[in-house]
Amino acid sequence: IALLQEMKQALEHAGHEVIACSDGLSAWDYLAGPVTSDLLVTRLQLRPGTPPGTALGRRAYSHYPPIPVIYIPSGPERADYADREHGEILVKPFAVDELVAAVDRLLRKLSVSLVVL
C-alpha cells in the first residue's frame, strides 16, 4: 500500500488524475463498470484469490476504446508474462519518476490524462 500511495502522489504531482484501487478485486470491479480511465497500471503478481495483473490488463484492453496497460512485474524473469503489445513494462525496483515517464509516454500517444492504479 505504501508503494501505491507513493505512485499515486507522484502521478498526481505530475498533473494526472488517479483512481487508486487497493487490490485486484477492486480494480476488476472498477473495470467492469463504465470506465472513464485512459490507462491502467497493474502489478503482475497480485494477492492470492484475486485476478492476476494479466487478466486486469486483458479486461482493460477489451474496452472500447482499448485502455493501454503498464505492467509491473516483481522481477525481470516475470516480464515475459506481460502483454507488451498493449502497453509497457516497468520492472521492480524502479523510481517513481520512471513510472511518471512511462505514463506520460503512453498518454502522449493518446492525448489523455486519467490513470488507474
Protein backbone atom coordinates (compact mmCIF):
# COMPACT_ATOMS: atom_id res chain seq x y z
CA ILE A 1 0.00 0.00 0.00
CA ALA A 2 2.94 2.36 0.65
CA LEU A 3 4.17 1.94 -2.95
CA LEU A 4 0.63 2.52 -4.23
CA GLN A 5 0.41 5.80 -2.29
CA GLU A 6 3.87 6.87 -3.47
CA MET A 7 2.96 6.15 -7.11
CA LYS A 8 -0.39 7.93 -6.75
CA GLN A 9 1.20 11.03 -5.23
CA ALA A 10 3.93 11.17 -7.89
CA LEU A 11 1.39 10.88 -10.72
CA GLU A 12 -0.91 13.49 -9.19
CA HIS A 13 2.06 15.81 -8.67
CA ALA A 14 2.80 15.37 -12.39
CA GLY A 15 -0.75 16.56 -13.15
CA HIS A 16 -2.56 13.26 -13.68
CA GLU A 17 -5.93 12.34 -12.20
CA VAL A 18 -5.54 8.96 -10.46
CA ILE A 19 -8.04 6.37 -9.27
CA ALA A 20 -6.22 4.00 -6.92
CA CYS A 21 -7.65 0.53 -6.28
CA SER A 22 -6.17 -1.12 -3.21
CA ASP A 23 -6.41 -4.67 -4.57
CA GLY A 24 -7.09 -6.75 -7.68
CA LEU A 25 -10.77 -7.30 -6.91
CA SER A 26 -11.42 -3.57 -6.57
CA ALA A 27 -9.64 -2.96 -9.88
CA TRP A 28 -11.62 -5.80 -11.53
CA ASP A 29 -14.90 -4.30 -10.29
CA TYR A 30 -13.86 -0.84 -11.46
CA LEU A 31 -13.03 -2.16 -14.93
CA ALA A 32 -16.43 -3.92 -15.06
CA GLY A 33 -18.27 -0.60 -14.83
CA PRO A 34 -18.42 2.39 -17.12
CA VAL A 35 -14.68 3.07 -17.25
CA THR A 36 -13.53 6.63 -17.77
CA SER A 37 -9.82 5.89 -17.40
CA ASP A 38 -7.26 6.19 -20.15
CA LEU A 39 -4.51 3.97 -18.73
CA LEU A 40 -4.14 1.07 -16.28
CA VAL A 41 -1.09 0.43 -14.11
CA THR A 42 -1.05 -3.04 -12.55
CA ARG A 43 1.33 -5.42 -10.89
CA LEU A 44 1.51 -8.84 -12.49
CA GLN A 45 1.50 -10.72 -9.18
CA LEU A 46 -1.50 -9.77 -7.07
CA ARG A 47 -2.67 -11.34 -3.82
CA PRO A 48 -3.93 -14.94 -3.98
CA GLY A 49 -7.64 -15.13 -4.72
CA THR A 50 -7.62 -12.02 -6.89
CA PRO A 51 -7.40 -11.70 -10.67
CA PRO A 52 -3.77 -11.57 -11.85
CA GLY A 53 -2.46 -8.41 -13.45
CA THR A 54 -2.54 -10.07 -16.87
CA ALA A 55 -6.32 -10.62 -16.52
CA LEU A 56 -6.80 -7.00 -15.48
CA GLY A 57 -4.76 -5.92 -18.48
CA ARG A 58 -6.83 -8.01 -20.89
CA ARG A 59 -10.02 -6.65 -19.34
CA ALA A 60 -8.77 -3.07 -19.74
CA TYR A 61 -7.69 -3.65 -23.31
CA SER A 62 -11.06 -5.20 -24.20
CA HIS A 63 -12.82 -1.85 -23.62
CA TYR A 64 -13.65 0.44 -26.48
CA PRO A 65 -11.53 2.35 -26.93
CA PRO A 66 -8.87 0.00 -25.55
CA ILE A 67 -7.08 1.08 -22.38
CA PRO A 68 -3.29 0.61 -22.58
CA VAL A 69 -1.57 -1.01 -19.60
CA ILE A 70 1.69 -0.54 -17.73
CA TYR A 71 2.59 -3.88 -16.16
CA ILE A 72 4.82 -4.03 -13.08
CA PRO A 73 6.38 -7.50 -12.70
CA SER A 74 8.18 -8.36 -9.47
CA GLY A 75 11.41 -9.03 -11.39
CA PRO A 76 12.83 -9.38 -14.91
CA GLU A 77 12.02 -13.11 -15.01
CA ARG A 78 8.31 -12.27 -14.72
CA ALA A 79 8.32 -9.68 -17.52
CA ASP A 80 7.55 -12.37 -20.11
CA TYR A 81 4.03 -12.64 -18.70
CA ALA A 82 3.20 -9.03 -19.57
CA ASP A 83 1.42 -8.07 -22.76
CA ARG A 84 3.99 -5.86 -24.50
CA GLU A 85 1.71 -5.33 -27.49
CA HIS A 86 -0.84 -3.33 -25.48
CA GLY A 87 1.35 -1.33 -23.15
CA GLU A 88 4.68 -1.11 -21.39
CA ILE A 89 6.59 -3.00 -18.73
CA LEU A 90 8.24 -1.39 -15.70
CA VAL A 91 10.34 -3.91 -13.76
CA LYS A 92 10.84 -3.53 -9.99
CA PRO A 93 12.75 -1.92 -8.47
CA PHE A 94 12.08 1.39 -10.21
CA ALA A 95 11.91 5.02 -9.22
CA VAL A 96 8.51 6.68 -9.29
CA ASP A 97 9.98 9.12 -11.81
CA GLU A 98 10.29 6.17 -14.21
CA LEU A 99 6.60 5.39 -13.71
CA VAL A 100 5.65 9.03 -14.37
CA ALA A 101 7.78 9.00 -17.54
CA ALA A 102 6.15 5.75 -18.77
CA VAL A 103 2.66 7.13 -18.07
CA ASP A 104 3.49 10.38 -19.84
CA ARG A 105 4.82 8.47 -22.88
CA LEU A 106 1.67 6.37 -23.25
CA LEU A 107 -0.73 9.20 -22.56
CA ARG A 108 1.03 11.49 -25.04
CA LYS A 109 0.30 8.87 -27.68
CA LEU A 110 -3.38 9.01 -26.65
CA SER A 111 -3.67 12.70 -25.64
CA VAL A 112 -5.43 11.82 -22.36
CA SER A 113 -4.66 12.07 -18.64
CA LEU A 114 -6.64 9.78 -16.30
CA VAL A 115 -4.73 6.85 -14.74
CA VAL A 116 -5.96 3.83 -12.75
CA LEU A 117 -3.55 2.10 -10.34
